[in-house]
N, C-alpha and C. Protein backbone atom coordinates (compact mmCIF):
# COMPACT_ATOMS: atom_id res chain seq x y z
N MET A 1 156.07 -13.57 60.24
CA MET A 1 156.87 -14.42 59.82
C MET A 1 155.91 -15.61 59.85
N PHE A 2 155.08 -16.03 60.90
CA PHE A 2 153.88 -17.10 60.56
C PHE A 2 152.90 -16.97 59.40
N LYS A 3 152.56 -15.59 59.15
CA LYS A 3 151.52 -15.26 58.11
C LYS A 3 152.00 -15.75 56.98
N ASP A 4 153.55 -15.56 56.42
CA ASP A 4 153.79 -15.85 55.16
C ASP A 4 153.93 -17.59 55.12
N MET A 5 154.12 -18.03 56.19
CA MET A 5 154.22 -19.79 56.07
C MET A 5 153.02 -20.19 56.01
N PHE A 6 151.80 -19.59 56.60
CA PHE A 6 150.46 -20.16 56.46
C PHE A 6 149.61 -19.23 55.48
N LYS A 7 150.01 -18.74 54.40
CA LYS A 7 149.25 -17.81 53.78
C LYS A 7 147.90 -18.19 53.36
N LYS A 8 147.86 -19.31 52.77
CA LYS A 8 146.68 -19.78 52.26
C LYS A 8 145.52 -19.86 53.49
N THR A 9 145.94 -20.51 54.78
CA THR A 9 145.14 -20.37 55.77
C THR A 9 144.57 -18.96 56.34
N TYR A 10 145.32 -18.01 56.20
CA TYR A 10 145.28 -16.77 56.49
C TYR A 10 144.37 -16.17 55.51
N THR A 11 144.58 -16.27 54.32
CA THR A 11 143.82 -15.79 53.33
C THR A 11 142.27 -16.48 53.56
N LEU A 12 142.14 -17.63 53.51
CA LEU A 12 140.96 -18.15 53.79
C LEU A 12 140.25 -17.49 54.86
N ILE A 13 140.65 -17.56 55.96
CA ILE A 13 140.26 -16.95 57.16
C ILE A 13 139.61 -15.37 57.01
N ASP A 14 140.66 -14.56 56.36
CA ASP A 14 140.44 -13.31 56.02
C ASP A 14 139.27 -13.03 55.23
N THR A 15 138.96 -13.89 54.12
CA THR A 15 138.06 -13.61 53.04
C THR A 15 136.93 -14.27 53.60
N LYS A 16 136.77 -15.19 54.59
CA LYS A 16 135.71 -15.69 54.84
C LYS A 16 134.70 -14.54 56.09
N TYR A 17 135.84 -13.87 56.43
CA TYR A 17 134.90 -13.14 57.73
C TYR A 17 135.06 -11.72 57.42
N LYS A 18 135.46 -11.39 56.34
CA LYS A 18 135.73 -9.53 56.03
C LYS A 18 134.32 -9.67 55.38
N LYS A 19 133.90 -8.51 55.76
CA LYS A 19 132.53 -7.95 55.25
C LYS A 19 132.79 -7.41 53.88
N PRO A 20 131.87 -7.79 52.71
CA PRO A 20 131.93 -7.49 51.34
C PRO A 20 132.12 -5.77 51.39
N VAL A 21 132.88 -5.29 50.19
CA VAL A 21 132.63 -3.94 50.25
C VAL A 21 131.66 -3.46 49.27
N LYS A 22 130.66 -2.47 49.64
CA LYS A 22 129.56 -2.20 48.76
C LYS A 22 130.02 -1.30 47.60
N SER A 23 129.58 -2.20 46.55
CA SER A 23 129.83 -1.63 44.94
C SER A 23 129.30 -0.11 45.00
N GLU A 24 130.13 0.81 44.35
CA GLU A 24 129.47 1.91 43.94
C GLU A 24 129.06 1.90 42.46
N GLU A 25 129.16 0.83 41.79
CA GLU A 25 128.63 0.95 40.29
C GLU A 25 127.19 0.52 40.43
N PRO A 26 126.34 1.21 39.56
CA PRO A 26 124.94 0.85 39.47
C PRO A 26 124.90 -0.62 39.04
N SER A 27 123.70 -0.96 39.24
CA SER A 27 123.32 -2.50 38.81
C SER A 27 122.78 -2.21 37.50
N ILE A 28 123.31 -3.35 36.67
CA ILE A 28 122.81 -3.21 35.45
C ILE A 28 121.83 -4.55 35.35
N PRO A 29 120.52 -4.70 34.83
CA PRO A 29 119.76 -5.49 34.49
C PRO A 29 120.45 -6.90 33.63
N GLN A 30 120.38 -7.94 34.05
CA GLN A 30 121.19 -8.79 33.40
C GLN A 30 120.79 -9.43 32.08
N GLY A 31 121.43 -9.74 30.88
CA GLY A 31 120.85 -9.86 29.83
C GLY A 31 121.02 -8.58 28.83
N LEU A 32 121.24 -7.63 29.10
CA LEU A 32 121.30 -6.31 28.26
C LEU A 32 122.71 -6.33 27.68
N TRP A 33 123.53 -6.73 28.14
CA TRP A 33 125.00 -6.69 27.51
C TRP A 33 125.90 -7.93 27.37
N ARG A 34 126.49 -7.82 26.63
CA ARG A 34 127.40 -9.00 26.19
C ARG A 34 128.96 -8.54 26.09
N LYS A 35 129.77 -9.51 26.41
CA LYS A 35 131.14 -9.22 26.38
C LYS A 35 131.66 -9.74 25.27
N CYS A 36 132.40 -8.84 24.27
CA CYS A 36 133.15 -9.33 23.20
C CYS A 36 134.13 -10.61 23.61
N ASN A 37 134.33 -11.62 22.85
CA ASN A 37 135.50 -12.39 23.64
C ASN A 37 136.59 -12.21 22.61
N LYS A 38 136.73 -11.20 21.92
CA LYS A 38 137.87 -10.80 21.12
C LYS A 38 138.50 -9.64 21.38
N CYS A 39 137.52 -8.70 21.62
CA CYS A 39 138.22 -7.28 22.18
C CYS A 39 137.90 -7.10 23.58
N GLY A 40 136.86 -7.82 24.33
CA GLY A 40 136.69 -7.67 25.58
C GLY A 40 135.68 -6.54 26.08
N GLN A 41 135.19 -5.87 24.98
CA GLN A 41 134.43 -4.59 25.04
C GLN A 41 133.09 -4.87 25.28
N PRO A 42 132.32 -4.33 26.25
CA PRO A 42 130.69 -4.50 26.44
C PRO A 42 129.91 -4.00 25.23
N ILE A 43 128.95 -4.85 25.10
CA ILE A 43 128.21 -4.71 23.48
C ILE A 43 126.87 -4.72 23.76
N TYR A 44 125.86 -3.79 23.43
CA TYR A 44 124.25 -4.25 23.93
C TYR A 44 124.12 -5.23 22.88
N VAL A 45 123.02 -6.25 23.64
CA VAL A 45 122.83 -7.56 22.95
C VAL A 45 122.05 -7.14 21.63
N GLU A 46 120.97 -6.35 21.80
CA GLU A 46 120.20 -5.86 20.49
C GLU A 46 121.42 -5.27 19.46
N ASP A 47 122.51 -4.64 19.57
CA ASP A 47 123.51 -4.42 18.66
C ASP A 47 123.98 -5.58 17.94
N VAL A 48 124.49 -6.54 18.94
CA VAL A 48 125.04 -7.84 18.47
C VAL A 48 124.18 -8.74 17.71
N LYS A 49 122.88 -8.71 17.68
CA LYS A 49 121.69 -9.48 17.05
C LYS A 49 121.76 -8.65 15.70
N ASN A 50 121.50 -7.52 15.93
CA ASN A 50 121.24 -6.61 14.60
C ASN A 50 122.43 -6.75 13.60
N ASN A 51 123.63 -7.04 14.24
CA ASN A 51 124.88 -7.29 13.37
C ASN A 51 125.43 -8.60 12.94
N TYR A 52 124.34 -9.23 13.13
CA TYR A 52 124.47 -10.80 12.75
C TYR A 52 125.44 -11.46 13.51
N TYR A 53 125.49 -11.19 14.58
CA TYR A 53 126.40 -11.94 16.03
C TYR A 53 127.91 -11.19 15.61
N ILE A 54 128.12 -10.53 14.83
CA ILE A 54 129.61 -9.70 14.71
C ILE A 54 129.67 -8.66 15.53
N CYS A 55 130.81 -8.63 16.28
CA CYS A 55 131.00 -7.50 17.18
C CYS A 55 131.20 -6.12 16.31
N PRO A 56 130.30 -5.09 16.80
CA PRO A 56 130.49 -3.93 15.96
C PRO A 56 131.72 -3.16 16.29
N LYS A 57 132.63 -3.67 17.38
CA LYS A 57 133.88 -2.99 17.43
C LYS A 57 135.01 -3.26 16.85
N CYS A 58 135.15 -4.44 16.96
CA CYS A 58 136.38 -5.25 16.44
C CYS A 58 136.08 -6.28 15.17
N ASN A 59 134.83 -6.35 14.80
CA ASN A 59 134.51 -7.55 13.98
C ASN A 59 134.74 -9.05 14.21
N GLY A 60 134.88 -9.14 15.73
CA GLY A 60 135.03 -10.56 16.01
C GLY A 60 133.48 -11.33 16.04
N TYR A 61 133.64 -12.84 16.11
CA TYR A 61 132.39 -13.24 15.78
C TYR A 61 132.02 -13.96 17.36
N PHE A 62 130.55 -13.63 17.19
CA PHE A 62 129.87 -14.62 18.64
C PHE A 62 129.32 -15.72 18.06
N ARG A 63 129.43 -16.70 18.97
CA ARG A 63 128.84 -18.02 18.78
C ARG A 63 127.37 -17.95 18.56
N VAL A 64 126.71 -18.74 17.41
CA VAL A 64 125.64 -18.66 16.99
C VAL A 64 125.15 -20.03 17.24
N HIS A 65 123.87 -20.05 17.85
CA HIS A 65 123.18 -21.22 18.20
C HIS A 65 122.25 -21.78 16.93
N ALA A 66 122.43 -23.10 16.65
CA ALA A 66 121.65 -23.71 15.69
C ALA A 66 120.27 -23.14 15.14
N TYR A 67 119.53 -22.93 16.00
CA TYR A 67 118.14 -22.70 15.76
C TYR A 67 118.16 -21.00 15.31
N ARG A 68 119.08 -20.41 15.98
CA ARG A 68 119.11 -18.66 15.55
C ARG A 68 119.73 -18.87 14.31
N ARG A 69 120.75 -19.48 13.93
CA ARG A 69 121.26 -19.55 12.69
C ARG A 69 120.07 -19.82 11.45
N ILE A 70 119.33 -20.76 11.74
CA ILE A 70 118.25 -21.22 11.13
C ILE A 70 117.14 -20.14 10.93
N GLU A 71 117.19 -19.34 11.88
CA GLU A 71 116.18 -18.25 11.94
C GLU A 71 116.80 -16.86 11.14
N MET A 72 117.86 -16.89 11.28
CA MET A 72 118.85 -15.82 10.39
C MET A 72 118.56 -16.02 8.69
N ILE A 73 118.60 -17.59 8.41
CA ILE A 73 119.04 -17.92 7.16
C ILE A 73 117.77 -18.24 6.23
N ILE A 74 116.76 -18.93 7.12
CA ILE A 74 115.53 -19.43 6.32
C ILE A 74 114.52 -18.48 6.52
N ASP A 75 113.67 -18.43 5.46
CA ASP A 75 112.47 -17.74 5.53
C ASP A 75 111.54 -18.13 6.53
N ASP A 76 110.71 -17.37 6.95
CA ASP A 76 109.87 -17.33 8.30
C ASP A 76 109.05 -18.29 7.65
N GLY A 77 108.67 -19.33 8.91
CA GLY A 77 107.55 -20.44 8.55
C GLY A 77 107.88 -21.59 7.63
N THR A 78 109.01 -21.44 6.89
CA THR A 78 109.44 -22.39 5.93
C THR A 78 110.33 -23.73 6.05
N PHE A 79 110.67 -23.47 7.46
CA PHE A 79 111.77 -24.71 7.88
C PHE A 79 110.81 -26.03 7.97
N GLU A 80 111.16 -27.05 7.88
CA GLU A 80 110.46 -28.39 8.26
C GLU A 80 112.03 -29.34 8.60
N GLU A 81 111.93 -29.54 9.88
CA GLU A 81 113.15 -30.34 10.33
C GLU A 81 113.00 -31.74 9.93
N TRP A 82 114.19 -32.50 9.84
CA TRP A 82 114.19 -33.91 9.66
C TRP A 82 114.96 -34.61 10.61
N ASP A 83 114.79 -35.71 10.66
CA ASP A 83 115.25 -36.81 11.53
C ASP A 83 115.90 -36.21 13.11
N LYS A 84 114.75 -35.36 13.82
CA LYS A 84 114.95 -35.01 15.03
C LYS A 84 115.06 -35.82 15.98
N GLU A 85 114.38 -36.99 15.96
CA GLU A 85 114.28 -37.86 16.99
C GLU A 85 115.01 -39.03 16.58
N ILE A 86 116.36 -39.19 16.34
CA ILE A 86 117.29 -40.54 15.97
C ILE A 86 117.52 -41.28 17.51
N GLU A 87 117.65 -42.38 17.56
CA GLU A 87 117.68 -42.92 18.77
C GLU A 87 119.08 -43.17 19.23
N PHE A 88 119.64 -42.70 20.40
CA PHE A 88 120.67 -42.59 20.55
C PHE A 88 121.15 -44.21 20.98
N SER A 89 122.64 -44.37 20.40
CA SER A 89 123.57 -45.52 20.92
C SER A 89 124.97 -45.17 20.84
N ASN A 90 125.63 -46.23 21.78
CA ASN A 90 127.18 -45.76 22.07
C ASN A 90 127.79 -47.23 21.21
N PRO A 91 127.85 -47.19 19.96
CA PRO A 91 128.43 -48.46 19.11
C PRO A 91 129.71 -48.81 19.57
N LEU A 92 130.46 -47.69 19.71
CA LEU A 92 131.77 -48.00 20.20
C LEU A 92 132.21 -48.14 21.94
N ASN A 93 131.06 -48.22 22.56
CA ASN A 93 131.08 -48.30 24.10
C ASN A 93 132.07 -47.58 24.71
N PHE A 94 132.03 -46.07 24.38
CA PHE A 94 133.15 -45.22 25.09
C PHE A 94 132.43 -44.96 26.45
N PRO A 95 133.15 -45.28 27.47
CA PRO A 95 132.81 -45.21 28.93
C PRO A 95 132.55 -43.68 29.35
N GLY A 96 131.25 -43.62 29.88
CA GLY A 96 130.64 -42.36 30.40
C GLY A 96 129.95 -41.46 29.42
N TYR A 97 129.86 -41.88 27.85
CA TYR A 97 129.28 -41.24 26.79
C TYR A 97 128.12 -40.89 26.87
N GLU A 98 127.26 -41.77 27.48
CA GLU A 98 125.87 -41.85 27.63
C GLU A 98 125.51 -40.47 28.68
N LYS A 99 126.13 -40.43 29.91
CA LYS A 99 126.11 -39.16 30.53
C LYS A 99 126.61 -37.90 29.94
N LYS A 100 127.36 -37.98 29.27
CA LYS A 100 127.99 -36.57 28.48
C LYS A 100 126.81 -36.20 27.56
N VAL A 101 126.29 -37.18 26.73
CA VAL A 101 125.47 -36.85 25.64
C VAL A 101 124.03 -36.35 26.62
N GLN A 102 123.72 -37.20 27.50
CA GLN A 102 122.49 -36.46 28.21
C GLN A 102 122.49 -35.36 28.99
N ALA A 103 123.97 -34.82 29.38
CA ALA A 103 124.08 -33.42 30.07
C ALA A 103 124.42 -32.83 28.68
N ALA A 104 124.75 -32.79 27.68
CA ALA A 104 124.62 -32.06 26.62
C ALA A 104 123.21 -31.49 25.98
N LYS A 105 122.04 -32.93 26.26
CA LYS A 105 120.82 -32.44 25.82
C LYS A 105 120.15 -31.63 26.82
N GLU A 106 120.32 -32.01 27.88
CA GLU A 106 119.65 -30.94 28.82
C GLU A 106 120.19 -29.67 29.11
N LYS A 107 121.58 -29.51 28.78
CA LYS A 107 122.26 -28.16 28.47
C LYS A 107 121.71 -27.14 27.20
N THR A 108 121.55 -28.08 26.11
CA THR A 108 121.32 -27.34 24.92
C THR A 108 119.79 -27.32 24.71
N ARG A 109 119.05 -28.53 25.12
CA ARG A 109 117.77 -28.43 24.55
C ARG A 109 117.77 -29.04 23.08
N LEU A 110 118.95 -29.66 22.82
CA LEU A 110 118.77 -30.10 21.52
C LEU A 110 118.96 -31.97 21.34
N ASN A 111 118.73 -32.67 20.65
CA ASN A 111 118.91 -33.99 20.71
C ASN A 111 120.31 -34.50 19.99
N GLU A 112 120.80 -33.60 19.09
CA GLU A 112 122.04 -33.91 18.77
C GLU A 112 122.97 -32.81 18.19
N ALA A 113 124.03 -32.80 17.80
CA ALA A 113 125.05 -31.82 17.60
C ALA A 113 124.65 -31.00 16.32
N ILE A 114 123.57 -31.78 15.38
CA ILE A 114 123.35 -30.82 14.10
C ILE A 114 121.74 -30.88 14.36
N VAL A 115 121.32 -29.81 13.61
CA VAL A 115 120.00 -29.66 13.03
C VAL A 115 119.89 -29.69 11.54
N ILE A 116 118.98 -30.49 11.12
CA ILE A 116 119.01 -30.82 9.49
C ILE A 116 117.32 -30.52 9.06
N GLY A 117 117.08 -30.01 8.10
CA GLY A 117 115.99 -29.87 7.39
C GLY A 117 115.65 -29.13 6.06
N LYS A 118 114.67 -28.84 5.63
CA LYS A 118 114.56 -28.10 4.56
C LYS A 118 113.91 -26.99 4.79
N GLY A 119 113.87 -26.00 3.90
CA GLY A 119 113.39 -24.86 3.85
C GLY A 119 113.63 -23.64 2.84
N LYS A 120 113.03 -22.50 2.82
CA LYS A 120 113.22 -21.64 1.58
C LYS A 120 114.37 -20.76 2.16
N ILE A 121 115.32 -20.16 1.13
CA ILE A 121 115.81 -19.29 1.27
C ILE A 121 115.78 -18.06 0.32
N LYS A 122 115.09 -17.05 0.75
CA LYS A 122 114.73 -15.86 -0.31
C LYS A 122 113.74 -16.70 -1.36
N GLY A 123 112.90 -17.80 -0.88
CA GLY A 123 111.93 -18.21 -1.88
C GLY A 123 112.55 -19.70 -2.41
N HIS A 124 113.83 -19.85 -2.56
CA HIS A 124 114.59 -21.11 -3.18
C HIS A 124 114.43 -22.33 -2.19
N GLU A 125 114.04 -23.31 -2.46
CA GLU A 125 113.93 -24.43 -1.31
C GLU A 125 115.65 -24.81 -1.33
N ALA A 126 115.96 -25.19 -0.15
CA ALA A 126 117.49 -25.80 0.18
C ALA A 126 117.34 -26.69 1.11
N VAL A 127 118.33 -27.63 1.40
CA VAL A 127 118.39 -28.45 2.53
C VAL A 127 119.36 -27.72 3.16
N VAL A 128 119.14 -27.69 4.56
CA VAL A 128 120.27 -26.85 5.53
C VAL A 128 120.55 -27.98 6.77
N GLY A 129 121.87 -27.83 7.07
CA GLY A 129 122.51 -28.52 8.35
C GLY A 129 123.13 -27.31 9.01
N VAL A 130 122.85 -27.39 10.39
CA VAL A 130 123.80 -26.50 11.17
C VAL A 130 124.01 -27.19 12.27
N CYS A 131 125.45 -27.00 12.50
CA CYS A 131 126.11 -27.88 13.84
C CYS A 131 125.82 -26.63 14.82
N ASP A 132 125.82 -27.02 16.27
CA ASP A 132 125.63 -26.32 17.31
C ASP A 132 126.89 -26.76 18.29
N ALA A 133 127.77 -25.74 18.42
CA ALA A 133 129.35 -26.12 19.09
C ALA A 133 128.74 -26.53 20.50
N ARG A 134 127.69 -26.00 21.32
CA ARG A 134 127.31 -26.35 22.47
C ARG A 134 127.04 -27.89 22.91
N PHE A 135 126.97 -28.49 21.67
CA PHE A 135 126.57 -29.92 22.12
C PHE A 135 127.82 -30.82 21.71
N LEU A 136 128.50 -30.89 22.82
CA LEU A 136 129.87 -31.74 22.71
C LEU A 136 130.81 -31.34 21.75
N MET A 137 131.03 -29.72 21.49
CA MET A 137 131.80 -29.00 20.51
C MET A 137 131.17 -29.70 19.36
N SER A 138 130.18 -30.01 19.03
CA SER A 138 129.42 -30.48 17.66
C SER A 138 130.38 -31.77 16.98
N SER A 139 130.97 -32.45 17.80
CA SER A 139 131.85 -33.67 17.66
C SER A 139 130.64 -34.39 16.81
N MET A 140 131.53 -35.26 15.75
CA MET A 140 130.51 -35.98 14.67
C MET A 140 130.60 -37.33 15.05
N GLY A 141 129.33 -37.76 15.85
CA GLY A 141 129.13 -39.22 16.25
C GLY A 141 128.51 -39.75 15.05
N HIS A 142 127.96 -41.14 15.28
CA HIS A 142 127.05 -41.67 14.00
C HIS A 142 125.58 -41.21 13.71
N ILE A 143 124.95 -40.34 14.97
CA ILE A 143 123.74 -39.85 14.57
C ILE A 143 124.07 -38.43 13.95
N VAL A 144 125.15 -37.77 13.91
CA VAL A 144 125.39 -36.50 13.20
C VAL A 144 125.72 -37.11 11.45
N GLY A 145 126.44 -37.95 11.66
CA GLY A 145 126.81 -38.82 10.32
C GLY A 145 125.75 -39.24 9.65
N ASP A 146 124.65 -39.76 10.23
CA ASP A 146 123.27 -40.34 9.69
C ASP A 146 122.48 -39.25 9.37
N LYS A 147 122.35 -38.15 9.89
CA LYS A 147 121.40 -37.15 9.73
C LYS A 147 121.94 -36.38 8.53
N ILE A 148 123.62 -36.25 8.23
CA ILE A 148 123.91 -35.61 7.20
C ILE A 148 124.03 -36.55 5.72
N THR A 149 123.86 -37.61 6.01
CA THR A 149 123.91 -38.40 4.98
C THR A 149 122.37 -38.68 4.50
N ASN A 150 121.50 -38.92 5.28
CA ASN A 150 120.21 -38.60 4.84
C ASN A 150 119.46 -37.46 4.22
N ALA A 151 120.20 -36.23 4.83
CA ALA A 151 119.87 -35.37 4.31
C ALA A 151 120.45 -35.09 2.57
N VAL A 152 121.46 -35.27 2.55
CA VAL A 152 122.06 -35.50 1.18
C VAL A 152 121.32 -36.46 0.22
N GLU A 153 120.96 -37.55 0.81
CA GLU A 153 120.35 -38.27 -0.21
C GLU A 153 119.12 -37.94 -0.08
N LYS A 154 118.33 -37.31 0.48
CA LYS A 154 117.00 -36.76 0.04
C LYS A 154 117.00 -35.56 -0.63
N ALA A 155 117.85 -34.50 -0.39
CA ALA A 155 118.11 -33.48 -1.43
C ALA A 155 118.52 -34.00 -2.74
N THR A 156 119.32 -34.89 -3.07
CA THR A 156 119.73 -35.37 -4.20
C THR A 156 118.45 -36.02 -4.96
N LYS A 157 117.68 -36.51 -4.40
CA LYS A 157 116.51 -37.10 -4.81
C LYS A 157 115.53 -35.91 -5.38
N ALA A 158 115.59 -34.96 -4.48
CA ALA A 158 114.61 -33.77 -4.86
C ALA A 158 115.39 -32.76 -5.65
N LYS A 159 116.70 -33.03 -5.86
CA LYS A 159 117.36 -32.07 -6.50
C LYS A 159 117.60 -30.74 -6.15
N LEU A 160 117.82 -30.75 -4.85
CA LEU A 160 117.93 -29.31 -4.08
C LEU A 160 119.40 -28.92 -3.57
N PRO A 161 119.85 -28.06 -3.18
CA PRO A 161 121.12 -27.58 -2.81
C PRO A 161 121.08 -28.06 -1.45
N VAL A 162 122.39 -28.45 -1.17
CA VAL A 162 122.73 -28.55 0.54
C VAL A 162 123.52 -27.65 0.72
N ILE A 163 123.23 -27.02 2.25
CA ILE A 163 124.32 -25.84 2.71
C ILE A 163 124.24 -26.46 4.04
N ILE A 164 125.68 -26.74 4.49
CA ILE A 164 126.07 -27.12 5.81
C ILE A 164 126.78 -26.08 6.77
N PHE A 165 126.32 -25.64 7.78
CA PHE A 165 126.98 -24.69 8.62
C PHE A 165 127.94 -25.73 9.52
N ALA A 166 129.04 -25.68 9.42
CA ALA A 166 130.02 -26.40 10.66
C ALA A 166 130.81 -25.94 11.35
N CYS A 167 131.19 -26.26 12.50
CA CYS A 167 131.61 -25.44 13.57
C CYS A 167 132.68 -26.30 14.10
């Protein structure tokens, strides 16, 4: 009777003092497998990379980070990043925005939600911008807008194509 009335208390006590059951499953080294967000199947990490971050079982997409996307698209050693260090500001004075941006910088090791630069794709020069959803879901603040604008202006002067991977 009392157990049903104080279910949470008993649950906390029971879980706190119960000995963990030893698992019969073999230990798998961390980082070898990924779980597909769409089908839920475990997939070998190398298979994910070799299949361009598409699940080989259901064709679902994995999130690709900005520098990894650049590595996949741009010829080796030809990428020149532009506007990497644009000074942060909060012109609309959103409360707590500085802390959110600082946390995103620490988590992602990026300075902003987009990486812009020039490189070669199969020998042809192009200006490339890649958004990274890990950085505040790639929301477009003034720095992202400035970087895109600068990239398009430089590309126009150099008569280069512009490719932007938005997310």
